[in-house]
Amino acid sequence: KRDFVANLKQAIQLAGKHPAVIDVDAFALQNCYEVNYEPADNAVVALLNVGASTMNINILRGVRSVFTRDVSVGGNQYTSLLQKEMGLTYEQAEQVKRGGAAPSGVESMDIDGALETVSDMLALEISKTFDFYRATAEDGDGTVQRILISGGGSKLKGLPEYLSNRFEMPVERLDPFRKIKVDARRFDPDYMREVVPEMAVAVGLALRGVDA
């Protein structure tokens, strides 16, 4: 990891820029959450950033990160399985997994089954992470109370409801602009609504340069 950071820093410097902050996704996500949700000291929340190929998990107690883990599963697995099992093109698979209409000749039930297969993989890794956290919790209470999801993979149709049923706790999509005002004259509101799930890490990184 140190070599990766050193190489990244060198690349930025070669481009004539000076890196002010080098951060990782899980902690940028945490920064976004803290600013927008102002968590209570005893609140235990799992932040999940479901990217294309990796899911970042950061479990927080209040504003303190107590367990982090990166897992090699993400939105691409949904797309690949739909292409393989349903014979869909990449564009069709991307549309369908986000709730678009199924192409002619493809049953919605079959699509739901394929999506659930990957969601089960996702849930298994989340469950393992929660187990790891419970086993190492300093105060003996390793109960996660709430899940907030973000990232492009979080736009999967029905994912919050699936995870809520699976883990029997509230699950919602993290809103990176919950307490941040967006100028509608500069940013198209429809576009912003579409990309909100993917902006959490970027907002968290940007907030590093903002004075509280």
N, C-alpha and C. Protein backbone atom coordinates (compact mmCIF):
# COMPACT_ATOMS: atom_id res chain seq x y z
N LYS A 1 0.82 -1.20 0.00
CA LYS A 1 0.00 0.00 0.00
C LYS A 1 0.86 1.26 0.00
N ARG A 2 1.98 1.21 0.74
CA ARG A 2 2.87 2.37 0.77
C ARG A 2 3.45 2.64 -0.61
N ASP A 3 3.82 1.57 -1.32
CA ASP A 3 4.37 1.72 -2.67
C ASP A 3 3.33 2.34 -3.59
N PHE A 4 2.08 1.89 -3.45
CA PHE A 4 1.00 2.42 -4.29
C PHE A 4 0.83 3.92 -4.04
N VAL A 5 0.81 4.31 -2.77
CA VAL A 5 0.65 5.72 -2.42
C VAL A 5 1.83 6.53 -2.93
N ALA A 6 3.05 5.99 -2.79
CA ALA A 6 4.25 6.69 -3.26
C ALA A 6 4.22 6.88 -4.77
N ASN A 7 3.80 5.85 -5.50
CA ASN A 7 3.70 5.95 -6.96
C ASN A 7 2.64 6.96 -7.37
N LEU A 8 1.53 6.96 -6.65
CA LEU A 8 0.45 7.90 -6.95
C LEU A 8 0.91 9.34 -6.70
N LYS A 9 1.62 9.54 -5.60
CA LYS A 9 2.14 10.87 -5.28
C LYS A 9 3.12 11.34 -6.34
N GLN A 10 3.99 10.42 -6.79
CA GLN A 10 4.98 10.77 -7.81
C GLN A 10 4.30 11.15 -9.12
N ALA A 11 3.26 10.42 -9.49
CA ALA A 11 2.55 10.71 -10.74
C ALA A 11 1.91 12.10 -10.69
N ILE A 12 1.35 12.45 -9.54
CA ILE A 12 0.74 13.77 -9.39
C ILE A 12 1.79 14.86 -9.47
N GLN A 13 2.95 14.63 -8.85
CA GLN A 13 4.02 15.62 -8.87
C GLN A 13 4.60 15.78 -10.27
N LEU A 14 4.69 14.69 -11.02
CA LEU A 14 5.18 14.77 -12.39
C LEU A 14 4.23 15.58 -13.28
N ALA A 15 2.96 15.61 -12.88
CA ALA A 15 1.98 16.40 -13.62
C ALA A 15 2.02 17.88 -13.21
N GLY A 16 2.97 18.21 -12.33
CA GLY A 16 3.12 19.60 -11.92
C GLY A 16 2.21 20.04 -10.80
N LYS A 17 1.63 19.07 -10.10
CA LYS A 17 0.71 19.39 -9.00
C LYS A 17 1.29 18.90 -7.68
N HIS A 18 0.77 19.49 -6.60
CA HIS A 18 1.20 19.09 -5.26
C HIS A 18 0.03 18.45 -4.53
N PRO A 19 0.13 17.17 -4.19
CA PRO A 19 -0.99 16.51 -3.50
C PRO A 19 -1.14 17.01 -2.07
N ALA A 20 -2.29 17.63 -1.78
CA ALA A 20 -2.53 18.14 -0.43
C ALA A 20 -2.96 17.03 0.51
N VAL A 21 -3.77 16.10 -0.01
CA VAL A 21 -4.28 15.00 0.80
C VAL A 21 -4.33 13.74 -0.04
N ILE A 22 -3.90 12.62 0.52
CA ILE A 22 -4.09 11.31 -0.11
C ILE A 22 -4.92 10.49 0.87
N ASP A 23 -6.08 10.06 0.41
CA ASP A 23 -7.02 9.38 1.30
C ASP A 23 -7.46 8.07 0.67
N VAL A 24 -8.18 7.27 1.45
CA VAL A 24 -8.73 6.02 0.94
C VAL A 24 -10.25 6.12 0.95
N ASP A 25 -10.89 5.31 0.12
CA ASP A 25 -12.33 5.40 -0.06
C ASP A 25 -13.11 5.29 1.25
N ALA A 26 -12.75 4.32 2.08
CA ALA A 26 -13.52 4.08 3.30
C ALA A 26 -13.55 5.30 4.21
N PHE A 27 -12.42 6.02 4.30
CA PHE A 27 -12.36 7.18 5.19
C PHE A 27 -12.96 8.42 4.54
N ALA A 28 -12.88 8.52 3.22
CA ALA A 28 -13.58 9.61 2.53
C ALA A 28 -15.08 9.45 2.70
N LEU A 29 -15.55 8.22 2.63
CA LEU A 29 -16.96 7.92 2.85
C LEU A 29 -17.38 8.33 4.26
N GLN A 30 -16.52 8.04 5.22
CA GLN A 30 -16.78 8.41 6.61
C GLN A 30 -16.89 9.92 6.75
N ASN A 31 -16.01 10.66 6.11
CA ASN A 31 -16.04 12.11 6.18
C ASN A 31 -17.35 12.66 5.64
N CYS A 32 -17.79 12.11 4.53
CA CYS A 32 -19.07 12.51 3.92
C CYS A 32 -20.22 12.24 4.89
N TYR A 33 -20.20 11.09 5.51
CA TYR A 33 -21.25 10.71 6.46
C TYR A 33 -21.27 11.63 7.67
N GLU A 34 -20.12 11.91 8.24
CA GLU A 34 -20.06 12.73 9.45
C GLU A 34 -20.63 14.13 9.21
N VAL A 35 -20.30 14.71 8.07
CA VAL A 35 -20.77 16.06 7.76
C VAL A 35 -22.28 16.09 7.54
N ASN A 36 -22.80 15.09 6.88
CA ASN A 36 -24.21 15.10 6.49
C ASN A 36 -25.17 14.51 7.52
N TYR A 37 -24.67 13.68 8.42
CA TYR A 37 -25.57 12.98 9.34
C TYR A 37 -25.33 13.28 10.82
N GLU A 38 -24.22 13.88 11.18
CA GLU A 38 -23.92 14.24 12.56
C GLU A 38 -24.29 13.11 13.53
N PRO A 39 -23.59 11.99 13.47
CA PRO A 39 -23.97 10.80 14.24
C PRO A 39 -23.83 10.98 15.75
N ALA A 40 -24.71 10.30 16.48
CA ALA A 40 -24.62 10.27 17.94
C ALA A 40 -23.41 9.46 18.35
N ASP A 41 -22.88 9.72 19.54
CA ASP A 41 -21.65 9.07 20.01
C ASP A 41 -21.76 7.55 20.07
N ASN A 42 -22.94 7.04 20.40
CA ASN A 42 -23.10 5.59 20.58
C ASN A 42 -23.71 4.90 19.36
N ALA A 43 -23.90 5.63 18.28
CA ALA A 43 -24.50 5.04 17.08
C ALA A 43 -23.48 4.16 16.36
N VAL A 44 -23.86 2.92 16.05
CA VAL A 44 -22.98 2.01 15.31
C VAL A 44 -23.57 1.82 13.92
N VAL A 45 -22.86 2.32 12.92
CA VAL A 45 -23.36 2.34 11.55
C VAL A 45 -22.34 1.70 10.62
N ALA A 46 -22.82 0.93 9.66
CA ALA A 46 -21.96 0.35 8.62
C ALA A 46 -22.13 1.15 7.34
N LEU A 47 -21.05 1.71 6.85
CA LEU A 47 -21.06 2.43 5.58
C LEU A 47 -20.54 1.50 4.50
N LEU A 48 -21.35 1.27 3.47
CA LEU A 48 -20.97 0.38 2.37
C LEU A 48 -20.87 1.19 1.09
N ASN A 49 -19.73 1.15 0.45
CA ASN A 49 -19.56 1.79 -0.85
C ASN A 49 -19.40 0.68 -1.88
N VAL A 50 -20.47 0.43 -2.65
CA VAL A 50 -20.48 -0.66 -3.62
C VAL A 50 -20.05 -0.12 -4.97
N GLY A 51 -18.78 -0.32 -5.31
CA GLY A 51 -18.26 0.15 -6.57
C GLY A 51 -18.42 -0.88 -7.67
N ALA A 52 -17.71 -0.66 -8.78
CA ALA A 52 -17.82 -1.57 -9.91
C ALA A 52 -17.25 -2.95 -9.60
N SER A 53 -16.10 -2.99 -8.93
CA SER A 53 -15.46 -4.27 -8.65
C SER A 53 -15.09 -4.48 -7.18
N THR A 54 -15.25 -3.44 -6.37
CA THR A 54 -14.87 -3.52 -4.96
C THR A 54 -15.94 -2.89 -4.07
N MET A 55 -16.18 -3.51 -2.93
CA MET A 55 -17.06 -2.93 -1.92
C MET A 55 -16.22 -2.54 -0.71
N ASN A 56 -16.26 -1.25 -0.35
CA ASN A 56 -15.59 -0.75 0.85
C ASN A 56 -16.57 -0.78 2.00
N ILE A 57 -16.16 -1.33 3.13
CA ILE A 57 -17.00 -1.39 4.33
C ILE A 57 -16.28 -0.67 5.46
N ASN A 58 -16.96 0.28 6.07
CA ASN A 58 -16.40 1.01 7.21
C ASN A 58 -17.45 1.02 8.31
N ILE A 59 -17.16 0.38 9.43
CA ILE A 59 -18.08 0.36 10.57
C ILE A 59 -17.65 1.44 11.55
N LEU A 60 -18.58 2.31 11.90
CA LEU A 60 -18.30 3.43 12.78
C LEU A 60 -19.07 3.32 14.08
N ARG A 61 -18.43 3.71 15.16
CA ARG A 61 -19.12 3.97 16.43
C ARG A 61 -19.02 5.46 16.66
N GLY A 62 -20.13 6.16 16.51
CA GLY A 62 -20.09 7.62 16.52
C GLY A 62 -19.31 8.10 15.32
N VAL A 63 -18.22 8.83 15.57
CA VAL A 63 -17.37 9.30 14.46
C VAL A 63 -16.03 8.56 14.44
N ARG A 64 -15.96 7.45 15.15
CA ARG A 64 -14.72 6.68 15.22
C ARG A 64 -14.83 5.42 14.37
N SER A 65 -13.91 5.26 13.43
CA SER A 65 -13.88 4.05 12.62
C SER A 65 -13.33 2.90 13.46
N VAL A 66 -14.13 1.83 13.58
CA VAL A 66 -13.72 0.71 14.43
C VAL A 66 -13.40 -0.55 13.63
N PHE A 67 -13.81 -0.59 12.35
CA PHE A 67 -13.49 -1.77 11.54
C PHE A 67 -13.67 -1.42 10.07
N THR A 68 -12.67 -1.71 9.26
CA THR A 68 -12.76 -1.48 7.81
C THR A 68 -12.36 -2.74 7.06
N ARG A 69 -12.94 -2.90 5.89
CA ARG A 69 -12.62 -4.06 5.06
C ARG A 69 -12.99 -3.76 3.61
N ASP A 70 -12.15 -4.16 2.68
CA ASP A 70 -12.44 -4.07 1.25
C ASP A 70 -12.68 -5.47 0.72
N VAL A 71 -13.74 -5.61 -0.08
CA VAL A 71 -14.13 -6.92 -0.61
C VAL A 71 -14.21 -6.85 -2.13
N SER A 72 -13.69 -7.86 -2.80
CA SER A 72 -13.69 -7.87 -4.27
C SER A 72 -15.01 -8.37 -4.82
N VAL A 73 -16.05 -7.61 -4.61
CA VAL A 73 -17.36 -7.88 -5.20
C VAL A 73 -18.04 -6.54 -5.41
N GLY A 74 -18.75 -6.39 -6.54
CA GLY A 74 -19.37 -5.11 -6.83
C GLY A 74 -20.35 -5.19 -7.98
N GLY A 75 -20.67 -4.05 -8.53
CA GLY A 75 -21.69 -3.96 -9.56
C GLY A 75 -21.38 -4.73 -10.83
N ASN A 76 -20.10 -4.89 -11.16
CA ASN A 76 -19.75 -5.61 -12.38
C ASN A 76 -20.21 -7.06 -12.35
N GLN A 77 -20.25 -7.66 -11.15
CA GLN A 77 -20.69 -9.05 -11.04
C GLN A 77 -22.14 -9.21 -11.46
N TYR A 78 -22.97 -8.23 -11.12
CA TYR A 78 -24.37 -8.27 -11.55
C TYR A 78 -24.46 -8.23 -13.07
N THR A 79 -23.73 -7.29 -13.66
CA THR A 79 -23.76 -7.12 -15.11
C THR A 79 -23.27 -8.38 -15.82
N SER A 80 -22.15 -8.92 -15.36
CA SER A 80 -21.56 -10.10 -16.00
C SER A 80 -22.50 -11.30 -15.93
N LEU A 81 -23.15 -11.49 -14.77
CA LEU A 81 -24.04 -12.64 -14.62
C LEU A 81 -25.27 -12.50 -15.51
N LEU A 82 -25.80 -11.30 -15.63
CA LEU A 82 -26.95 -11.08 -16.51
C LEU A 82 -26.57 -11.34 -17.96
N GLN A 83 -25.38 -10.93 -18.35
CA GLN A 83 -24.92 -11.19 -19.72
C GLN A 83 -24.77 -12.69 -19.96
N LYS A 84 -24.18 -13.37 -18.98
CA LYS A 84 -23.91 -14.80 -19.13
C LYS A 84 -25.18 -15.64 -19.08
N GLU A 85 -26.02 -15.39 -18.08
CA GLU A 85 -27.20 -16.23 -17.86
C GLU A 85 -28.38 -15.86 -18.75
N MET A 86 -28.54 -14.56 -19.02
CA MET A 86 -29.71 -14.09 -19.77
C MET A 86 -29.40 -13.79 -21.23
N GLY A 87 -28.12 -13.81 -21.59
CA GLY A 87 -27.75 -13.50 -22.97
C GLY A 87 -27.93 -12.04 -23.34
N LEU A 88 -27.83 -11.15 -22.35
CA LEU A 88 -28.03 -9.73 -22.59
C LEU A 88 -26.73 -9.07 -23.04
N THR A 89 -26.87 -7.95 -23.74
CA THR A 89 -25.71 -7.14 -24.05
C THR A 89 -25.31 -6.38 -22.77
N TYR A 90 -24.13 -5.79 -22.79
CA TYR A 90 -23.68 -5.01 -21.63
C TYR A 90 -24.67 -3.89 -21.32
N GLU A 91 -25.10 -3.17 -22.37
CA GLU A 91 -26.01 -2.05 -22.18
C GLU A 91 -27.34 -2.52 -21.61
N GLN A 92 -27.86 -3.65 -22.12
CA GLN A 92 -29.12 -4.18 -21.61
C GLN A 92 -28.99 -4.60 -20.14
N ALA A 93 -27.89 -5.25 -19.81
CA ALA A 93 -27.68 -5.71 -18.44
C ALA A 93 -27.59 -4.53 -17.47
N GLU A 94 -26.90 -3.47 -17.87
CA GLU A 94 -26.79 -2.29 -17.02
C GLU A 94 -28.16 -1.66 -16.78
N GLN A 95 -28.97 -1.61 -17.83
CA GLN A 95 -30.30 -1.02 -17.72
C GLN A 95 -31.21 -1.86 -16.83
N VAL A 96 -31.18 -3.16 -17.04
CA VAL A 96 -32.06 -4.07 -16.31
C VAL A 96 -31.73 -4.10 -14.82
N LYS A 97 -30.46 -4.13 -14.48
CA LYS A 97 -30.09 -4.26 -13.06
C LYS A 97 -30.49 -3.03 -12.26
N ARG A 98 -30.73 -1.92 -12.95
CA ARG A 98 -31.14 -0.71 -12.25
C ARG A 98 -32.65 -0.48 -12.34
N GLY A 99 -33.36 -1.52 -12.77
CA GLY A 99 -34.82 -1.45 -12.75
C GLY A 99 -35.46 -1.18 -14.09
N GLY A 100 -34.67 -1.17 -15.17
CA GLY A 100 -35.24 -0.96 -16.49
C GLY A 100 -36.03 -2.17 -16.97
N ALA A 101 -36.80 -1.97 -18.03
CA ALA A 101 -37.63 -3.05 -18.56
C ALA A 101 -36.77 -4.16 -19.15
N ALA A 102 -37.23 -5.40 -18.96
CA ALA A 102 -36.51 -6.56 -19.51
C ALA A 102 -36.72 -6.63 -21.02
N PRO A 103 -35.71 -7.02 -21.79
CA PRO A 103 -35.87 -7.17 -23.23
C PRO A 103 -36.90 -8.25 -23.56
N SER A 104 -37.43 -8.19 -24.74
CA SER A 104 -38.42 -9.18 -25.18
C SER A 104 -37.83 -10.59 -25.10
N GLY A 105 -38.62 -11.51 -24.53
CA GLY A 105 -38.19 -12.90 -24.43
C GLY A 105 -37.45 -13.24 -23.15
N VAL A 106 -37.22 -12.24 -22.31
CA VAL A 106 -36.53 -12.47 -21.04
C VAL A 106 -37.51 -12.26 -19.90
N GLU A 107 -37.65 -13.26 -19.05
CA GLU A 107 -38.60 -13.20 -17.94
C GLU A 107 -38.03 -12.39 -16.77
N SER A 108 -38.87 -11.53 -16.22
CA SER A 108 -38.46 -10.72 -15.07
C SER A 108 -38.06 -11.60 -13.89
N MET A 109 -38.75 -12.74 -13.73
CA MET A 109 -38.45 -13.64 -12.62
C MET A 109 -37.03 -14.20 -12.74
N ASP A 110 -36.62 -14.50 -13.97
CA ASP A 110 -35.27 -15.01 -14.18
C ASP A 110 -34.22 -13.94 -13.87
N ILE A 111 -34.53 -12.70 -14.24
CA ILE A 111 -33.62 -11.60 -13.96
C ILE A 111 -33.48 -11.39 -12.45
N ASP A 112 -34.62 -11.41 -11.76
CA ASP A 112 -34.59 -11.24 -10.30
C ASP A 112 -33.77 -12.33 -9.63
N GLY A 113 -33.89 -13.56 -10.15
CA GLY A 113 -33.13 -14.67 -9.59
C GLY A 113 -31.64 -14.49 -9.78
N ALA A 114 -31.25 -14.00 -10.97
CA ALA A 114 -29.83 -13.77 -11.24
C ALA A 114 -29.28 -12.65 -10.35
N LEU A 115 -30.05 -11.59 -10.21
CA LEU A 115 -29.62 -10.47 -9.36
C LEU A 115 -29.47 -10.91 -7.91
N GLU A 116 -30.40 -11.75 -7.45
CA GLU A 116 -30.35 -12.20 -6.07
C GLU A 116 -29.14 -13.09 -5.81
N THR A 117 -28.69 -13.81 -6.83
CA THR A 117 -27.50 -14.65 -6.67
C THR A 117 -26.29 -13.80 -6.27
N VAL A 118 -26.13 -12.67 -6.95
CA VAL A 118 -25.00 -11.79 -6.63
C VAL A 118 -25.25 -11.06 -5.31
N SER A 119 -26.49 -10.67 -5.07
CA SER A 119 -26.81 -10.01 -3.79
C SER A 119 -26.51 -10.92 -2.62
N ASP A 120 -26.73 -12.23 -2.81
CA ASP A 120 -26.39 -13.20 -1.76
C ASP A 120 -24.88 -13.20 -1.48
N MET A 121 -24.07 -13.09 -2.55
CA MET A 121 -22.62 -13.02 -2.38
C MET A 121 -22.24 -11.75 -1.61
N LEU A 122 -22.88 -10.66 -1.99
CA LEU A 122 -22.63 -9.38 -1.33
C LEU A 122 -22.98 -9.47 0.16
N ALA A 123 -24.15 -10.03 0.44
CA ALA A 123 -24.62 -10.15 1.82
C ALA A 123 -23.72 -11.07 2.64
N LEU A 124 -23.20 -12.12 2.00
CA LEU A 124 -22.31 -13.04 2.71
C LEU A 124 -21.06 -12.31 3.18
N GLU A 125 -20.49 -11.47 2.33
CA GLU A 125 -19.28 -10.73 2.71
C GLU A 125 -19.59 -9.69 3.79
N ILE A 126 -20.75 -9.08 3.70
CA ILE A 126 -21.16 -8.13 4.75
C ILE A 126 -21.32 -8.86 6.07
N SER A 127 -21.95 -10.04 6.02
CA SER A 127 -22.15 -10.84 7.22
C SER A 127 -20.82 -11.25 7.85
N LYS A 128 -19.86 -11.66 7.01
CA LYS A 128 -18.52 -12.00 7.51
C LYS A 128 -17.88 -10.81 8.21
N THR A 129 -18.04 -9.64 7.61
CA THR A 129 -17.46 -8.42 8.18
C THR A 129 -18.08 -8.12 9.54
N PHE A 130 -19.40 -8.25 9.62
CA PHE A 130 -20.07 -8.01 10.91
C PHE A 130 -19.60 -9.02 11.96
N ASP A 131 -19.39 -10.26 11.53
CA ASP A 131 -18.90 -11.29 12.46
C ASP A 131 -17.50 -10.94 12.96
N PHE A 132 -16.63 -10.50 12.03
CA PHE A 132 -15.27 -10.10 12.42
C PHE A 132 -15.33 -8.95 13.43
N TYR A 133 -16.20 -8.00 13.16
CA TYR A 133 -16.31 -6.84 14.05
C TYR A 133 -16.81 -7.26 15.43
N ARG A 134 -17.83 -8.10 15.47
CA ARG A 134 -18.35 -8.55 16.76
C ARG A 134 -17.28 -9.27 17.59
N ALA A 135 -16.44 -10.02 16.89
CA ALA A 135 -15.40 -10.79 17.59
C ALA A 135 -14.30 -9.91 18.16
N THR A 136 -14.17 -8.70 17.63
CA THR A 136 -13.07 -7.83 18.05
C THR A 136 -13.54 -6.55 18.74
N ALA A 137 -14.84 -6.38 18.90
CA ALA A 137 -15.38 -5.16 19.51
C ALA A 137 -14.80 -4.96 20.91
N GLU A 138 -14.23 -3.80 21.15
CA GLU A 138 -13.55 -3.52 22.42
C GLU A 138 -14.49 -3.55 23.62
N ASP A 139 -15.71 -3.04 23.43
CA ASP A 139 -16.63 -2.95 24.56
C ASP A 139 -17.55 -4.16 24.68
N GLY A 140 -17.33 -5.14 23.82
CA GLY A 140 -18.14 -6.35 23.88
C GLY A 140 -19.47 -6.25 23.18
N ASP A 141 -19.85 -5.05 22.75
CA ASP A 141 -21.11 -4.86 22.04
C ASP A 141 -20.82 -4.56 20.58
N GLY A 142 -20.89 -5.59 19.76
CA GLY A 142 -20.57 -5.42 18.35
C GLY A 142 -21.79 -5.42 17.46
N THR A 143 -22.88 -4.82 17.93
CA THR A 143 -24.13 -4.82 17.18
C THR A 143 -24.20 -3.61 16.25
N VAL A 144 -24.26 -3.86 14.95
CA VAL A 144 -24.47 -2.79 13.98
C VAL A 144 -25.95 -2.44 13.97
N GLN A 145 -26.26 -1.16 14.01
CA GLN A 145 -27.64 -0.72 14.14
C GLN A 145 -28.27 -0.27 12.83
N ARG A 146 -27.42 0.07 11.86
CA ARG A 146 -27.94 0.69 10.64
C ARG A 146 -26.92 0.55 9.52
N ILE A 147 -27.40 0.46 8.29
CA ILE A 147 -26.52 0.38 7.12
C ILE A 147 -26.85 1.52 6.17
N LEU A 148 -25.82 2.21 5.71
CA LEU A 148 -25.97 3.23 4.67
C LEU A 148 -25.13 2.79 3.48
N ILE A 149 -25.75 2.73 2.30
CA ILE A 149 -25.04 2.27 1.11
C ILE A 149 -24.87 3.40 0.10
N SER A 150 -23.79 3.31 -0.65
CA SER A 150 -23.49 4.29 -1.69
C SER A 150 -22.73 3.59 -2.81
N GLY A 151 -22.31 4.38 -3.80
CA GLY A 151 -21.59 3.80 -4.93
C GLY A 151 -22.53 3.43 -6.06
N GLY A 152 -21.97 3.27 -7.25
CA GLY A 152 -22.80 2.93 -8.40
C GLY A 152 -23.56 1.63 -8.22
N GLY A 153 -22.95 0.66 -7.53
CA GLY A 153 -23.61 -0.62 -7.31
C GLY A 153 -24.82 -0.52 -6.41
N SER A 154 -24.90 0.55 -5.61
CA SER A 154 -26.04 0.71 -4.71
C SER A 154 -27.32 1.08 -5.46
N LYS A 155 -27.18 1.42 -6.76
CA LYS A 155 -28.35 1.77 -7.56
C LYS A 155 -29.10 0.53 -8.05
N LEU A 156 -28.60 -0.64 -7.69
CA LEU A 156 -29.28 -1.87 -8.07
C LEU A 156 -30.71 -1.88 -7.55
N LYS A 157 -31.61 -2.28 -8.40
CA LYS A 157 -33.02 -2.33 -8.05
C LYS A 157 -33.26 -3.19 -6.81
N GLY A 158 -33.85 -2.59 -5.78
CA GLY A 158 -34.26 -3.34 -4.60
C GLY A 158 -33.16 -3.71 -3.62
N LEU A 159 -31.93 -3.22 -3.83
CA LEU A 159 -30.83 -3.62 -2.94
C LEU A 159 -31.04 -3.17 -1.48
N PRO A 160 -31.47 -1.93 -1.23
CA PRO A 160 -31.68 -1.55 0.18
C PRO A 160 -32.70 -2.45 0.88
N GLU A 161 -33.79 -2.77 0.18
CA GLU A 161 -34.83 -3.61 0.77
C GLU A 161 -34.31 -5.03 1.01
N TYR A 162 -33.53 -5.53 0.07
CA TYR A 162 -32.96 -6.88 0.21
C TYR A 162 -32.06 -6.94 1.45
N LEU A 163 -31.17 -5.97 1.59
CA LEU A 163 -30.24 -5.98 2.73
C LEU A 163 -30.98 -5.76 4.05
N SER A 164 -32.01 -4.92 4.02
CA SER A 164 -32.79 -4.69 5.23
C SER A 164 -33.46 -5.97 5.71
N ASN A 165 -34.02 -6.73 4.77
CA ASN A 165 -34.65 -8.00 5.13
C ASN A 165 -33.62 -9.02 5.61
N ARG A 166 -32.47 -9.02 4.94
CA ARG A 166 -31.43 -10.00 5.26
C ARG A 166 -30.84 -9.75 6.66
N PHE A 167 -30.61 -8.50 7.00
CA PHE A 167 -29.93 -8.19 8.26
C PHE A 167 -30.87 -7.64 9.33
N GLU A 168 -32.14 -7.52 8.99
CA GLU A 168 -33.16 -7.08 9.94
C GLU A 168 -32.77 -5.77 10.63
N MET A 169 -32.43 -4.79 9.81
CA MET A 169 -32.09 -3.46 10.33
C MET A 169 -32.37 -2.43 9.24
N PRO A 170 -32.47 -1.15 9.60
CA PRO A 170 -32.71 -0.11 8.59
C PRO A 170 -31.54 -0.01 7.60
N VAL A 171 -31.88 0.07 6.32
CA VAL A 171 -30.88 0.24 5.26
C VAL A 171 -31.38 1.34 4.33
N GLU A 172 -30.52 2.30 4.04
CA GLU A 172 -30.90 3.36 3.11
C GLU A 172 -29.68 3.80 2.31
N ARG A 173 -29.95 4.50 1.22
CA ARG A 173 -28.86 5.03 0.41
C ARG A 173 -28.34 6.31 1.07
N LEU A 174 -27.03 6.40 1.19
CA LEU A 174 -26.41 7.58 1.78
C LEU A 174 -26.60 8.77 0.85
N ASP A 175 -27.02 9.90 1.40
CA ASP A 175 -27.22 11.12 0.61
C ASP A 175 -26.04 12.06 0.89
N PRO A 176 -25.10 12.18 -0.05
CA PRO A 176 -23.92 13.02 0.18
C PRO A 176 -24.23 14.52 0.18
N PHE A 177 -25.45 14.88 -0.26
CA PHE A 177 -25.83 16.29 -0.29
C PHE A 177 -26.96 16.59 0.69
N ARG A 178 -27.08 15.77 1.70
CA ARG A 178 -28.15 15.93 2.70
C ARG A 178 -28.07 17.29 3.39
N LYS A 179 -26.85 17.74 3.67
CA LYS A 179 -26.67 19.04 4.31
C LYS A 179 -25.77 19.96 3.50
N ILE A 180 -25.63 19.64 2.23
CA ILE A 180 -24.82 20.46 1.33
C ILE A 180 -25.72 21.03 0.25
N LYS A 181 -25.74 22.34 0.13
CA LYS A 181 -26.59 22.99 -0.85
C LYS A 181 -25.93 22.96 -2.22
N VAL A 182 -26.67 22.50 -3.22
CA VAL A 182 -26.17 22.42 -4.59
C VAL A 182 -26.84 23.52 -5.41
N ASP A 183 -26.05 24.32 -6.09
CA ASP A 183 -26.56 25.43 -6.90
C ASP A 183 -27.19 24.87 -8.17
N ALA A 184 -28.52 24.93 -8.26
CA ALA A 184 -29.25 24.39 -9.41
C ALA A 184 -28.96 25.15 -10.70
N ARG A 185 -28.41 26.35 -10.59
CA ARG A 185 -28.07 27.12 -11.79
C ARG A 185 -26.79 26.60 -12.43
N ARG A 186 -25.97 25.93 -11.64
CA ARG A 186 -24.70 25.41 -12.15
C ARG A 186 -24.73 23.90 -12.38
N PHE A 187 -25.60 23.21 -11.66
CA PHE A 187 -25.67 21.75 -11.77
C PHE A 187 -27.11 21.33 -12.03
N ASP A 188 -27.33 20.64 -13.12
CA ASP A 188 -28.67 20.20 -13.51
C ASP A 188 -29.26 19.28 -12.43
N PRO A 189 -30.42 19.63 -11.85
CA PRO A 189 -31.01 18.84 -10.77
C PRO A 189 -31.28 17.39 -11.16
N ASP A 190 -31.75 17.15 -12.38
CA ASP A 190 -32.02 15.77 -12.82
C ASP A 190 -30.73 14.96 -12.86
N TYR A 191 -29.67 15.58 -13.36
CA TYR A 191 -28.38 14.89 -13.40
C TYR A 191 -27.88 14.59 -11.99
N MET A 192 -28.02 15.55 -11.10
CA MET A 192 -27.55 15.36 -9.73
C MET A 192 -28.29 14.22 -9.03
N ARG A 193 -29.61 14.14 -9.27
CA ARG A 193 -30.38 13.05 -8.66
C ARG A 193 -29.90 11.70 -9.17
N GLU A 194 -29.48 11.65 -10.43
CA GLU A 194 -29.04 10.40 -11.04
C GLU A 194 -27.69 9.95 -10.47
N VAL A 195 -26.79 10.89 -10.21
CA VAL A 195 -25.43 10.52 -9.80
C VAL A 195 -25.21 10.57 -8.29
N VAL A 196 -26.22 10.95 -7.52
CA VAL A 196 -26.07 11.05 -6.06
C VAL A 196 -25.40 9.83 -5.43
N PRO A 197 -25.82 8.58 -5.76
CA PRO A 197 -25.21 7.42 -5.11
C PRO A 197 -23.71 7.30 -5.36
N GLU A 198 -23.25 7.81 -6.50
CA GLU A 198 -21.84 7.66 -6.86
C GLU A 198 -20.96 8.79 -6.33
N MET A 199 -21.56 9.80 -5.69
CA MET A 199 -20.82 10.99 -5.31
C MET A 199 -20.29 10.98 -3.88
N ALA A 200 -20.64 9.97 -3.09
CA ALA A 200 -20.29 9.99 -1.66
C ALA A 200 -18.79 10.09 -1.42
N VAL A 201 -18.00 9.25 -2.08
CA VAL A 201 -16.55 9.28 -1.88
C VAL A 201 -15.96 10.60 -2.38
N ALA A 202 -16.42 11.07 -3.55
CA ALA A 202 -15.91 12.33 -4.10
C ALA A 202 -16.21 13.50 -3.17
N VAL A 203 -17.43 13.52 -2.62
CA VAL A 203 -17.79 14.59 -1.69
C VAL A 203 -16.92 14.51 -0.43
N GLY A 204 -16.71 13.29 0.07
CA GLY A 204 -15.87 13.12 1.25
C GLY A 204 -14.45 13.60 1.03
N LEU A 205 -13.92 13.34 -0.15
CA LEU A 205 -12.58 13.82 -0.49
C LEU A 205 -12.55 15.34 -0.58
N ALA A 206 -13.57 15.91 -1.24
CA ALA A 206 -13.62 17.36 -1.41
C ALA A 206 -13.73 18.08 -0.07
N LEU A 207 -14.45 17.48 0.86
CA LEU A 207 -14.65 18.11 2.17
C LEU A 207 -13.36 18.20 2.99
N ARG A 208 -12.33 17.43 2.60
CA ARG A 208 -11.05 17.53 3.31
C ARG A 208 -10.47 18.94 3.20
N GLY A 209 -10.84 19.63 2.13
CA GLY A 209 -10.30 20.97 1.93
C GLY A 209 -11.22 22.08 2.39
N VAL A 210 -12.28 21.70 3.13
CA VAL A 210 -13.24 22.70 3.60
C VAL A 210 -13.12 22.85 5.11
N ASP A 211 -12.99 24.07 5.57
CA ASP A 211 -12.93 24.32 7.01
C ASP A 211 -14.29 24.11 7.63
N ALA A 212 -14.33 23.43 8.80
CA ALA A 212 -15.60 23.19 9.48
C ALA A 212 -16.21 24.50 9.97
